[in-house]
Structure formats: structure tokens, C-alpha cells
């Protein structure tokens, strides 16, 4: 059982204090094999480049004496509801943050629970405690669901898909029909010219490869002719991704598919323990008849088996175009906690809305 006599909780709400916690955070994430979204450099780049003035850090640190044993990388968001200004405190919420989590040593689980209780009791009246984008099997979601004393309403907002392959021959993992189609598409590409693939990690990633990835990502519907949401069209997003490439040398991988020396597809990936996660997948629209992203996924799995370290490929989210792979799926949930009169009202509204949505969905299926 934990010894909580020396437990102290610290809240960091100033970006200038990041340098003070950098080394303890890096030590903890290395020890625990942190996910990409709980990585120190990701969190720092997030607040430095892509958050606005309405969003500030709300980082919870749990210490046992001088030892950092738990870390909750959250934020505080200013909101308005029916003309009432309030704060929403919880895990990160941004289109370029797909999943959330926390870091803590398992033997100090009760210390993390105490941190949550302490946080709930000290939040101001006009605030809401909300944790979006938690995988159902994540450390934090599992911990919350195991505690009947923690009142929380949660609902599924998306899903995270993956394929576990280890060293099992890929023809035994990938649906036969889809594998046959991938091989057909690969032969089709080879008839059009020289086909090459690269799987480059960290410090070996070149500026040319980064530029190719950004140009491909901006070439389709996200570009100037579409939603205008491409990374390279937004100076803040561009700085954010350049920061990730610069600082996360140990756990970033860039996959590229070349046809006649021209990159036609690219995947921005991160590696966490034995999992390769495809955070950004893009391809040149004019080569859609070759389905280059599907072929590149297959080649990434093939390369992972050759290297022998990665045993699972995660698609992070759950887009419908993954259907031919028949991947496994984990639900992604949002949690809301009632902590006062105001947040209890928000809590009940969210709960009622979710029940109504579920009711309508059930009617549609019938």
C-alpha cells in the first residue's frame, strides 16, 4: 500500500515553469514508456505554438517527498455558457491532439486518486471538470471507472483502431481480399515506374522528407482549394510540428512512399514501446487510384516485422476508410464530473443530451 505521508500536490499554471519540471518529467516518461501525447516536448510545444490566450496549462504534479510519482498534463479553458463565464479544467482538447492520458507509477495509484479528490474539492464554483479523448482501456479511464466514489458521467465520442501483428505472418493477419488488392495496387505502381519506401526515425529524418510530408498533407482537401486547414498553411501548426520533429528524436518516424523518386504518400508516426501510431496519414490526390496510403500501411507493418521491435500498428483514431483492414477497436470516451451547482447543471445537461442522442440512434437502427 502507498505511503502517502510525504505526498504533495503541485499545480503548474505558468509556461515559464516548464523548465523547472523538464528533467523530472523526462525521467518519469522514460521509466514508464509514456505515450506521445503525455510527452514533455509535446505538451511544451502545444502550449508554445497552438493554444490561444483562453487556454492555459493546468499541470498536476504528485510528489512522494522529492520524487515525482504522478503527472496529469491538463489545461484550463475559458468558456461561456448562456452568458456566464466559467473555466473548464481537464485533458487537452484540440484537433491535433487525438488522445489523452496521465503518467503515474502503479504502486502510487492511491496517490493519484488523492490528487483527483484534492483537485475536485479545490476547484472554484464556476468551473467544470472535463476529461475528453480518453481510451476506455487507458490508465486514467480504468482508474476512474474502478472508483464508485468518483461521480462521473462518460460517453463514447469516437474510437481508436489498431492491428496487433507481432511476428505472425501478415497474410494471416490482413483480410485475404484486402491483401490481394494491396498486391494488385503495388504491381500497378511498379508498372508505372520505380517504387520505393522509406521508414526514417528521429534524427535521421531530413528536412526534405519533412517538407515532402507537409506538401502532401496540404495537397488534398485540407489545402487552399479545400478547408484551408493544412499544417503548412498555419504558421502556428507549422511551428508546432517542426518543434516535434526537432525534439522528439527517439519516438518519431516518418514513412514515405515514392514513385519515380516523387513522394506520393507519407505518414507522420510516433513509436511508444511496441506500438507504431499513425498520427497523420496523407497522399497525393492524383494518385488515389493506387491507394498509396493503404500500400504504405502494409509496407510499414512489413518493415516493423523485419526490425522486430514494433508489434502493433495503431491508427490513433477510427476513420471509416480503414474498414477493409478489419482492425480491432477501442472506444474513446469523454468524462464530466459534477463538482458544484454550476458544473452539476452542465453535467445533467450533457447526460440528458447523450440519453436523447442514444434514444434517437436506437430508433434509427430499428
Protein backbone atom coordinates (compact mmCIF):
# COMPACT_ATOMS: atom_id res chain seq x y z
CA UNK A 1 0.00 0.00 0.00
CA UNK A 2 1.22 3.55 -0.76
CA UNK A 3 2.77 5.65 1.92
CA UNK A 4 1.01 8.99 1.45
CA UNK A 5 2.55 10.75 4.44
CA UNK A 6 5.00 12.59 2.19
CA UNK A 7 2.56 13.19 -0.66
CA UNK A 8 2.44 16.74 -2.03
CA UNK A 9 0.37 18.05 -4.94
CA UNK A 10 1.61 20.92 -7.10
CA UNK A 11 -0.26 22.77 -9.86
CA UNK A 12 1.77 24.38 -12.65
CA UNK A 13 -0.24 27.08 -14.43
CA UNK A 14 2.61 29.12 -15.90
CA UNK A 15 4.52 28.12 -19.02
CA UNK A 16 7.64 29.75 -17.61
CA UNK A 17 7.82 26.96 -15.02
CA UNK A 18 8.14 24.22 -17.66
CA UNK A 19 11.93 24.33 -17.48
CA UNK A 20 11.80 23.53 -13.74
CA UNK A 21 9.89 20.29 -14.30
CA UNK A 22 11.50 19.22 -17.57
CA UNK A 23 14.02 16.74 -16.18
CA UNK A 24 11.72 15.05 -13.61
CA UNK A 25 9.08 14.69 -16.35
CA UNK A 26 11.58 13.26 -18.86
CA UNK A 27 12.83 10.81 -16.23
CA UNK A 28 9.30 9.67 -15.41
CA UNK A 29 8.23 9.26 -19.04
CA UNK A 30 11.35 7.26 -19.83
CA UNK A 31 10.73 4.98 -16.86
CA UNK A 32 7.06 4.41 -17.74
CA UNK A 33 7.25 4.43 -21.55
CA UNK A 34 4.98 7.45 -21.89
CA UNK A 35 2.54 7.79 -24.76
CA UNK A 36 3.28 10.52 -27.28
CA UNK A 37 0.51 12.79 -26.00
CA UNK A 38 1.90 12.73 -22.44
CA UNK A 39 5.41 13.50 -23.66
CA UNK A 40 7.06 16.62 -22.16
CA UNK A 41 8.07 18.01 -25.54
CA UNK A 42 4.59 17.52 -26.97
CA UNK A 43 3.00 19.35 -24.03
CA UNK A 44 5.50 22.23 -24.19
CA UNK A 45 5.15 22.60 -27.98
CA UNK A 46 1.36 22.51 -27.63
CA UNK A 47 1.28 25.49 -25.27
CA UNK A 48 4.04 27.36 -27.03
CA UNK A 49 2.60 27.17 -30.53
CA UNK A 50 -1.07 26.18 -30.92
CA UNK A 51 -3.04 27.37 -27.91
CA UNK A 52 -4.64 30.80 -27.63
CA UNK A 53 -4.90 33.18 -24.69
CA UNK A 54 -8.09 31.46 -23.47
CA UNK A 55 -6.18 28.25 -22.75
CA UNK A 56 -3.52 27.91 -20.04
CA UNK A 57 -1.60 24.95 -18.57
CA UNK A 58 -3.08 23.20 -15.56
CA UNK A 59 -0.44 20.59 -14.92
CA UNK A 60 -0.92 18.46 -11.80
CA UNK A 61 2.25 17.02 -10.24
CA UNK A 62 2.23 14.44 -7.45
CA UNK A 63 5.40 14.05 -5.38
CA UNK A 64 6.33 11.49 -2.76
CA UNK A 65 8.91 13.54 -0.91
CA UNK A 66 11.15 14.89 -3.69
CA UNK A 67 10.26 12.09 -6.11
CA UNK A 68 7.82 12.80 -8.94
CA UNK A 69 5.45 9.81 -8.98
CA UNK A 70 2.49 11.12 -10.99
CA UNK A 71 1.76 13.69 -13.65
CA UNK A 72 -1.55 14.86 -15.13
CA UNK A 73 -0.91 17.02 -18.25
CA UNK A 74 -4.08 19.11 -18.39
CA UNK A 75 -5.21 22.61 -19.28
CA UNK A 76 -7.64 25.31 -18.19
CA UNK A 77 -10.03 26.61 -20.87
CA UNK A 78 -12.13 29.76 -20.57
CA UNK A 79 -15.73 29.13 -21.66
CA UNK A 80 -19.06 30.97 -21.83
CA UNK A 81 -22.47 29.33 -21.29
CA UNK A 82 -25.71 31.36 -21.50
CA UNK A 83 -23.68 34.50 -20.94
CA UNK A 84 -21.92 33.03 -17.87
CA UNK A 85 -18.12 32.88 -17.96
CA UNK A 86 -16.53 29.82 -16.41
CA UNK A 87 -13.45 27.61 -16.61
CA UNK A 88 -13.28 24.09 -17.95
CA UNK A 89 -10.38 22.14 -16.48
CA UNK A 90 -9.17 18.81 -17.80
CA UNK A 91 -7.27 16.97 -20.50
CA UNK A 92 -6.21 18.66 -23.75
CA UNK A 93 -8.81 19.49 -26.37
CA UNK A 94 -7.56 20.34 -29.85
CA UNK A 95 -7.95 18.87 -33.38
CA UNK A 96 -4.25 17.93 -33.35
CA UNK A 97 -4.49 16.12 -30.01
CA UNK A 98 -6.22 12.81 -30.68
CA UNK A 99 -5.86 11.05 -27.32
CA UNK A 100 -5.12 11.96 -23.70
CA UNK A 101 -3.73 10.24 -20.66
CA UNK A 102 -1.67 10.59 -17.49
CA UNK A 103 1.60 9.27 -16.12
CA UNK A 104 1.96 7.59 -12.75
CA UNK A 105 3.77 4.73 -11.11
CA UNK A 106 1.28 1.93 -10.50
CA UNK A 107 2.32 1.44 -6.87
CA UNK A 108 1.23 5.02 -6.19
CA UNK A 109 -2.29 4.65 -7.56
CA UNK A 110 -3.93 5.87 -4.36
CA UNK A 111 -1.76 9.00 -4.53
CA UNK A 112 -3.21 9.78 -7.95
CA UNK A 113 -6.72 9.20 -6.63
CA UNK A 114 -5.98 11.56 -3.76
CA UNK A 115 -4.77 14.11 -6.33
CA UNK A 116 -8.11 13.83 -8.15
CA UNK A 117 -10.11 14.24 -4.93
CA UNK A 118 -7.95 17.21 -3.89
CA UNK A 119 -8.41 18.83 -7.27
CA UNK A 120 -12.21 18.37 -7.22
CA UNK A 121 -12.50 19.86 -3.75
CA UNK A 122 -10.46 22.96 -4.58
CA UNK A 123 -11.88 23.97 -7.97
CA UNK A 124 -13.86 27.23 -7.97
CA UNK A 125 -17.66 27.12 -8.14
CA UNK A 126 -17.85 28.38 -11.72
CA UNK A 127 -15.81 25.59 -13.27
CA UNK A 128 -16.31 22.22 -14.93
CA UNK A 129 -14.02 19.21 -14.60
CA UNK A 130 -13.96 17.56 -18.05
CA UNK A 131 -11.65 14.88 -19.49
CA UNK A 132 -12.10 14.40 -23.26
CA UNK A 133 -10.39 11.83 -25.52
CA UNK A 134 -9.60 9.03 -23.07
CA UNK A 135 -9.37 5.50 -24.42
CA UNK A 136 -11.63 3.18 -22.44
CA UNK A 137 -8.68 0.94 -21.56
CA UNK A 138 -6.32 3.82 -20.73
CA UNK A 139 -4.76 4.13 -17.28
CA UNK A 140 -6.87 7.12 -16.26
CA UNK A 141 -10.23 5.86 -17.61
CA UNK A 142 -9.69 2.47 -15.95
CA UNK A 143 -8.78 4.16 -12.67
CA UNK A 144 -11.86 6.41 -12.70
CA UNK A 145 -14.23 3.57 -13.62
CA UNK A 146 -12.90 1.45 -10.77
CA UNK A 147 -13.85 4.08 -8.18
CA UNK A 148 -17.54 4.10 -7.27
CA UNK A 149 -16.98 7.14 -5.06
CA UNK A 150 -15.98 9.27 -8.05
CA UNK A 151 -19.19 10.53 -9.63
CA UNK A 152 -18.59 10.86 -13.35
CA UNK A 153 -20.70 10.74 -16.47
CA UNK A 154 -18.97 9.43 -19.57
CA UNK A 155 -19.97 8.71 -23.14
CA UNK A 156 -18.22 7.43 -26.23
CA UNK A 157 -17.13 10.21 -28.57
CA UNK A 158 -15.01 8.23 -31.04
CA UNK A 159 -12.86 5.13 -31.28
CA UNK A 160 -9.22 4.19 -31.69
CA UNK A 161 -8.44 1.36 -34.13
CA UNK A 162 -5.41 -0.89 -34.23
CA UNK A 163 -3.95 -4.15 -35.56
CA UNK A 164 -1.80 -6.39 -33.38
CA UNK A 165 0.54 -8.44 -35.60
CA UNK A 166 3.74 -9.26 -33.66
CA UNK A 167 5.66 -11.82 -35.76
CA UNK A 168 2.55 -13.53 -37.14
CA UNK A 169 2.83 -13.72 -40.97
CA UNK A 170 0.89 -10.79 -42.41
CA UNK A 171 -1.23 -12.98 -44.75
CA UNK A 172 -2.67 -14.48 -41.55
CA UNK A 173 -3.45 -11.02 -40.12
CA UNK A 174 -4.71 -8.99 -43.08
CA UNK A 175 -8.05 -9.96 -44.68
CA UNK A 176 -7.25 -12.03 -47.79
CA UNK A 177 -9.33 -9.88 -50.09
CA UNK A 178 -7.63 -6.68 -48.93
CA UNK A 179 -4.14 -8.21 -49.12
CA UNK A 180 -4.86 -9.35 -52.67
CA UNK A 181 -5.93 -5.79 -53.55
CA UNK A 182 -2.78 -4.30 -51.97
CA UNK A 183 -0.56 -6.62 -54.01
CA UNK A 184 -2.52 -5.71 -57.15
CA UNK A 185 -2.08 -1.99 -56.45
CA UNK A 186 1.62 -2.46 -55.80
CA UNK A 187 2.08 -4.25 -59.13
CA UNK A 188 0.14 -1.45 -60.81
CA UNK A 189 2.53 1.15 -59.34
CA UNK A 190 5.55 -0.86 -60.41
CA UNK A 191 4.29 -0.82 -63.98
CA UNK A 192 4.24 2.99 -63.84
CA UNK A 193 7.84 3.28 -62.63
CA UNK A 194 10.30 2.76 -59.80
CA UNK A 195 8.68 2.18 -56.40
CA UNK A 196 10.49 2.84 -53.12
CA UNK A 197 9.58 3.09 -49.44
CA UNK A 198 11.39 4.72 -46.54
CA UNK A 199 10.83 4.40 -42.79
CA UNK A 200 13.01 7.03 -41.15
CA UNK A 201 13.34 7.64 -37.42
CA UNK A 202 14.17 10.68 -35.31
CA UNK A 203 17.47 12.35 -36.04
CA UNK A 204 17.76 10.62 -39.43
CA UNK A 205 14.65 12.39 -40.77
CA UNK A 206 15.78 15.00 -43.30
CA UNK A 207 14.36 18.46 -43.93
CA UNK A 208 13.47 17.30 -47.43
CA UNK A 209 11.35 14.45 -46.02
CA UNK A 210 9.61 16.83 -43.62
CA UNK A 211 8.88 19.23 -46.46
CA UNK A 212 7.52 16.38 -48.59
CA UNK A 213 5.21 15.30 -45.77
CA UNK A 214 3.90 18.85 -45.30
CA UNK A 215 3.38 19.40 -49.04
CA UNK A 216 1.49 16.12 -49.44
CA UNK A 217 -0.66 16.91 -46.37
CA UNK A 218 -1.56 20.27 -47.95
CA UNK A 219 -2.27 18.86 -51.43
CA UNK A 220 -5.76 17.47 -50.84
CA UNK A 221 -8.97 18.72 -49.25
CA UNK A 222 -7.02 20.39 -46.43
CA UNK A 223 -5.25 22.72 -48.88
CA UNK A 224 -6.12 26.15 -50.26
CA UNK A 225 -8.77 24.69 -52.55
CA UNK A 226 -10.47 22.93 -49.64
CA UNK A 227 -10.78 23.57 -45.91
CA UNK A 228 -7.55 25.61 -45.73
CA UNK A 229 -6.62 23.60 -42.60
CA UNK A 230 -3.32 22.12 -43.77
CA UNK A 231 -0.36 22.31 -41.39
CA UNK A 232 1.86 24.37 -43.69
CA UNK A 233 -0.91 26.98 -44.20
CA UNK A 234 -0.94 27.80 -40.48
CA UNK A 235 2.26 29.26 -39.05
CA UNK A 236 1.39 28.10 -35.53
CA UNK A 237 0.74 24.50 -36.57
CA UNK A 238 3.87 24.58 -38.71
CA UNK A 239 5.98 25.71 -35.74
CA UNK A 240 4.32 23.06 -33.57
CA UNK A 241 5.22 20.18 -35.92
CA UNK A 242 8.74 21.47 -36.53
CA UNK A 243 9.17 21.51 -32.75
CA UNK A 244 8.01 17.88 -32.56
CA UNK A 245 10.45 16.82 -35.28
CA UNK A 246 13.27 18.68 -33.57
CA UNK A 247 12.78 17.44 -30.00
CA UNK A 248 11.17 14.00 -30.19
CA UNK A 249 14.04 12.25 -31.91
CA UNK A 250 13.61 8.95 -30.08
CA UNK A 251 9.97 8.27 -30.85
CA UNK A 252 9.04 9.85 -34.20
CA UNK A 253 9.01 8.00 -37.50
CA UNK A 254 8.23 9.34 -40.96
CA UNK A 255 7.07 6.84 -43.59
CA UNK A 256 7.24 7.78 -47.28
CA UNK A 257 6.08 6.11 -50.50
CA UNK A 258 7.99 7.17 -53.65
CA UNK A 259 7.02 6.62 -57.28
CA UNK A 260 9.76 7.56 -59.75
CA UNK A 261 11.54 9.41 -56.91
CA UNK A 262 8.46 11.53 -56.17
CA UNK A 263 6.79 11.15 -52.76
CA UNK A 264 3.10 10.30 -53.24
CA UNK A 265 2.16 9.34 -49.67
CA UNK A 266 3.51 9.98 -46.18
CA UNK A 267 2.70 9.03 -42.59
CA UNK A 268 3.74 11.03 -39.54
CA UNK A 269 4.11 8.38 -36.83
CA UNK A 270 5.23 8.06 -33.25
CA UNK A 271 6.59 4.99 -31.52
CA UNK A 272 5.62 4.10 -27.97
CA UNK A 273 7.12 0.88 -26.61
CA UNK A 274 5.96 -1.79 -29.10
CA UNK A 275 3.35 0.33 -30.92
CA UNK A 276 3.68 2.37 -34.11
CA UNK A 277 0.94 5.03 -34.19
CA UNK A 278 -0.06 6.74 -37.43
CA UNK A 279 -0.90 10.25 -36.24
CA UNK A 280 -1.13 11.86 -39.70
CA UNK A 281 -1.82 9.99 -42.93
CA UNK A 282 -1.76 11.78 -46.29
CA UNK A 283 -1.31 11.15 -50.02
CA UNK A 284 -1.41 12.97 -53.34
CA UNK A 285 -4.98 13.01 -54.61
CA UNK A 286 -3.94 12.47 -58.22
CA UNK A 287 -2.58 9.03 -57.23
CA UNK A 288 -5.69 7.91 -55.39
CA UNK A 289 -6.18 5.13 -57.97
CA UNK A 290 -3.09 3.49 -56.45
CA UNK A 291 -4.41 3.75 -52.86
CA UNK A 292 -0.90 4.73 -51.71
CA UNK A 293 -1.82 5.09 -48.02
CA UNK A 294 -3.11 1.52 -47.83
CA UNK A 295 0.02 0.20 -49.55
CA UNK A 296 2.23 2.27 -47.22
CA UNK A 297 0.43 0.90 -44.15
CA UNK A 298 1.14 -2.64 -45.33
CA UNK A 299 4.79 -1.84 -46.02
CA UNK A 300 5.11 -0.19 -42.58
CA UNK A 301 3.85 -3.40 -40.95
CA UNK A 302 6.22 -5.44 -43.09
CA UNK A 303 9.14 -3.19 -42.12
CA UNK A 304 8.19 -3.39 -38.42
CA UNK A 305 8.33 -7.18 -38.52
CA UNK A 306 11.75 -7.07 -40.16
CA UNK A 307 13.07 -4.75 -37.43
CA UNK A 308 11.35 -6.89 -34.79
CA UNK A 309 10.52 -4.20 -32.21
CA UNK A 310 7.04 -2.96 -33.12
CA UNK A 311 4.23 -5.47 -32.59
CA UNK A 312 1.15 -3.31 -33.10
CA UNK A 313 0.08 -0.59 -35.51
CA UNK A 314 -2.34 2.00 -34.13
CA UNK A 315 -4.41 4.28 -36.34
CA UNK A 316 -4.97 6.52 -33.28
CA UNK A 317 -8.48 7.44 -34.43
CA UNK A 318 -11.09 5.37 -36.29
CA UNK A 319 -11.70 6.71 -39.84
CA UNK A 320 -14.17 4.74 -41.97
CA UNK A 321 -11.63 4.17 -44.78
CA UNK A 322 -9.92 1.62 -42.52
CA UNK A 323 -12.83 -0.83 -42.95
CA UNK A 324 -11.00 -3.15 -45.44
CA UNK A 325 -8.35 -3.85 -42.76
CA UNK A 326 -11.00 -5.05 -40.28
CA UNK A 327 -8.99 -3.62 -37.36
CA UNK A 328 -9.69 -4.02 -33.67
CA UNK A 329 -11.24 -1.04 -31.93
CA UNK A 330 -11.15 0.62 -28.51
CA UNK A 331 -13.85 3.18 -27.55
CA UNK A 332 -12.69 6.73 -26.76
CA UNK A 333 -14.71 8.48 -24.03
CA UNK A 334 -15.28 11.93 -22.55
CA UNK A 335 -15.77 12.21 -18.77
CA UNK A 336 -17.60 15.02 -16.94
CA UNK A 337 -17.53 15.36 -13.14
CA UNK A 338 -20.12 17.35 -11.11
CA UNK A 339 -18.21 19.40 -8.52
CA UNK A 340 -20.65 22.18 -7.63
CA UNK A 341 -24.04 23.62 -8.55
CA UNK A 342 -22.87 25.09 -11.87
CA UNK A 343 -20.97 22.03 -13.06
CA UNK A 344 -23.80 19.78 -11.85
CA UNK A 345 -26.15 21.66 -14.21
CA UNK A 346 -23.67 21.17 -17.08
CA UNK A 347 -23.34 17.54 -16.01
CA UNK A 348 -27.11 16.95 -16.14
CA UNK A 349 -27.47 18.76 -19.49
CA UNK A 350 -24.70 16.63 -21.01
CA UNK A 351 -26.25 13.48 -19.59
CA UNK A 352 -29.75 14.30 -20.88
CA UNK A 353 -28.42 15.23 -24.33
CA UNK A 354 -26.48 11.99 -24.52
CA UNK A 355 -29.51 9.93 -23.49
CA UNK A 356 -31.63 11.65 -26.15
CA UNK A 357 -28.98 11.07 -28.82
CA UNK A 358 -28.71 7.39 -27.85
CA UNK A 359 -32.52 7.10 -27.95
CA UNK A 360 -32.71 8.56 -31.48
CA UNK A 361 -29.86 6.33 -32.67
CA UNK A 362 -31.69 3.31 -31.30
CA UNK A 363 -34.86 4.32 -33.18
CA UNK A 364 -32.90 4.78 -36.40
CA UNK A 365 -31.45 1.26 -36.14
CA UNK A 366 -34.90 -0.20 -35.61
